[in-house]
Amino acid sequence: MSKFFNISEAASIGIHSIVLIAKSEGRLNVTKISEIMSFSRHHVAKVMQRLGKAGLVSSTRGPAGGFVLAKNPADINLLQVYEAIEGPIVDTDCPLGYETCPFNKCLLDSVAGMINKSFKEYLQSHTLEFYLTNGY
């Protein structure tokens, strides 16, 4: 579960991979994705497995196999991809997840909550269709 804005290597792989798949005219396999992004083939495979379990991509095995989107690009947003990798983003004002603070006022003055909310809204508002139609 992610409690504060964070983009792990796995989330980065997931976001970049699914946009590559959306832009591809055919299937993309793990080897090709890992070559394009210069990430470990093993790490890409694990991330793609999570995206498959989340119902965002589907795969076919074999020499002509690979991944394709399981939904229309307009129906997949980056929040779905991120949460398939990292788990749900929890709305919180405390980046450490404390329920009780030893101070009368948060030392970060609620900036953590604002950043978290903005990050979540950004991911939710950006569909794969956006990346297909805006020159990425």
Protein backbone atom coordinates (compact mmCIF):
# COMPACT_ATOMS: atom_id res chain seq x y z
CA MET A 1 0.00 0.00 0.00
CA SER A 2 1.41 3.36 -1.00
CA LYS A 3 0.83 6.15 1.52
CA PHE A 4 2.66 9.01 -0.15
CA PHE A 5 3.66 10.04 -3.65
CA ASN A 6 6.21 7.55 -4.87
CA ILE A 7 7.09 6.15 -8.24
CA SER A 8 9.01 2.93 -7.80
CA GLU A 9 10.94 1.27 -10.59
CA ALA A 10 8.11 -1.27 -10.90
CA ALA A 11 5.46 1.46 -11.27
CA SER A 12 7.63 3.22 -13.85
CA ILE A 13 8.00 -0.03 -15.78
CA GLY A 14 4.24 -0.57 -15.64
CA ILE A 15 3.33 2.91 -16.84
CA HIS A 16 5.90 2.97 -19.62
CA SER A 17 5.16 -0.59 -20.73
CA ILE A 18 1.43 -0.10 -21.03
CA VAL A 19 1.89 3.08 -23.07
CA LEU A 20 4.33 1.20 -25.35
CA ILE A 21 1.76 -1.57 -25.75
CA ALA A 22 -0.99 0.96 -26.49
CA LYS A 23 1.17 2.57 -29.19
CA SER A 24 2.20 -0.75 -30.70
CA GLU A 25 0.42 -2.00 -33.80
CA GLY A 26 0.92 -5.60 -32.72
CA ARG A 27 1.86 -7.58 -29.67
CA LEU A 28 4.88 -6.60 -27.59
CA ASN A 29 6.75 -9.28 -25.67
CA VAL A 30 8.76 -8.91 -22.48
CA THR A 31 12.09 -9.06 -24.32
CA LYS A 32 11.17 -6.20 -26.64
CA ILE A 33 9.76 -4.07 -23.80
CA SER A 34 12.89 -4.62 -21.69
CA GLU A 35 15.15 -3.75 -24.65
CA ILE A 36 13.25 -0.51 -25.39
CA MET A 37 13.30 0.62 -21.75
CA SER A 38 16.66 -0.87 -20.66
CA PHE A 39 15.13 -2.65 -17.68
CA SER A 40 15.70 -6.20 -16.50
CA ARG A 41 13.68 -8.72 -18.50
CA HIS A 42 12.80 -10.49 -15.25
CA HIS A 43 11.50 -7.28 -13.63
CA VAL A 44 9.45 -6.40 -16.71
CA ALA A 45 7.96 -9.92 -16.70
CA LYS A 46 6.88 -9.58 -13.06
CA VAL A 47 5.29 -6.18 -13.69
CA MET A 48 3.48 -7.40 -16.79
CA GLN A 49 2.11 -10.33 -14.80
CA ARG A 50 0.57 -7.84 -12.33
CA LEU A 51 -0.96 -5.81 -15.16
CA GLY A 52 -2.42 -9.01 -16.56
CA LYS A 53 -3.94 -9.98 -13.20
CA ALA A 54 -5.48 -6.51 -12.97
CA GLY A 55 -7.16 -7.06 -16.34
CA LEU A 56 -5.30 -4.24 -18.08
CA VAL A 57 -3.37 -6.38 -20.57
CA SER A 58 -3.80 -9.82 -22.02
CA SER A 59 -1.04 -12.09 -23.23
CA THR A 60 -0.42 -14.84 -25.73
CA ARG A 61 2.45 -17.30 -25.39
CA GLY A 62 4.70 -18.49 -28.16
CA PRO A 63 7.00 -17.06 -30.83
CA ALA A 64 4.36 -14.61 -32.07
CA GLY A 65 3.07 -13.94 -28.56
CA GLY A 66 3.19 -10.90 -26.40
CA PHE A 67 0.93 -8.38 -24.73
CA VAL A 68 -1.99 -6.30 -25.98
CA LEU A 69 -4.39 -4.05 -24.10
CA ALA A 70 -7.32 -5.87 -22.55
CA LYS A 71 -9.50 -2.74 -22.72
CA ASN A 72 -9.97 0.29 -24.90
CA PRO A 73 -7.17 2.88 -24.33
CA ALA A 74 -9.78 5.43 -23.22
CA ASP A 75 -10.85 3.03 -20.45
CA ILE A 76 -7.40 2.63 -18.86
CA ASN A 77 -5.94 5.43 -16.79
CA LEU A 78 -2.54 5.68 -15.12
CA LEU A 79 -4.08 5.34 -11.66
CA GLN A 80 -5.28 1.85 -12.55
CA VAL A 81 -1.79 0.95 -13.75
CA TYR A 82 -0.08 2.47 -10.70
CA GLU A 83 -2.43 0.77 -8.24
CA ALA A 84 -2.05 -2.59 -10.02
CA ILE A 85 1.64 -2.36 -9.16
CA GLU A 86 1.74 -0.48 -5.85
CA GLY A 87 -1.70 -1.09 -4.37
CA PRO A 88 -4.29 1.58 -3.57
CA ILE A 89 -3.14 5.11 -2.89
CA VAL A 90 -4.31 6.00 0.60
CA ASP A 91 -5.49 9.55 1.18
CA THR A 92 -3.52 10.81 4.17
CA ASP A 93 -2.07 14.04 5.47
CA CYS A 94 0.77 12.21 7.21
CA PRO A 95 3.43 10.75 4.91
CA LEU A 96 4.45 8.39 7.72
CA GLY A 97 0.93 7.15 8.36
CA TYR A 98 0.79 8.26 11.99
CA GLU A 99 -2.67 8.58 13.49
CA THR A 100 -1.41 10.70 16.37
CA CYS A 101 1.22 13.38 15.97
CA PRO A 102 3.35 14.46 18.95
CA PHE A 103 2.94 18.08 17.85
CA ASN A 104 -0.08 20.38 17.84
CA LYS A 105 0.32 20.97 14.13
CA CYS A 106 1.84 18.83 11.35
CA LEU A 107 5.43 19.80 10.71
CA LEU A 108 4.77 19.47 6.97
CA ASP A 109 1.65 21.67 7.25
CA SER A 110 -0.49 19.21 5.24
CA VAL A 111 1.70 19.53 2.12
CA ALA A 112 1.93 15.73 2.00
CA GLY A 113 -1.85 15.42 1.66
CA MET A 114 -1.97 18.05 -1.08
CA ILE A 115 0.81 16.36 -3.06
CA ASN A 116 -0.79 12.95 -2.63
CA LYS A 117 -4.18 14.25 -3.78
CA SER A 118 -2.72 16.05 -6.81
CA PHE A 119 -0.71 12.98 -7.82
CA LYS A 120 -3.76 10.74 -7.59
CA GLU A 121 -5.91 13.19 -9.59
CA TYR A 122 -3.23 13.47 -12.28
CA LEU A 123 -2.95 9.70 -12.67
CA GLN A 124 -6.73 9.30 -12.77
CA SER A 125 -7.18 12.00 -15.41
CA HIS A 126 -4.62 10.59 -17.85
CA THR A 127 -5.88 7.70 -19.94
CA LEU A 128 -3.83 5.77 -22.48
CA GLU A 129 -5.91 7.52 -25.14
CA PHE A 130 -4.33 10.80 -23.99
CA TYR A 131 -0.86 9.44 -24.78
CA LEU A 132 -1.97 8.12 -28.16
CA THR A 133 -3.42 11.44 -29.27
CA ASN A 134 -0.86 13.88 -27.85
CA GLY A 135 2.34 12.88 -29.62
CA TYR A 136 4.04 10.73 -27.00
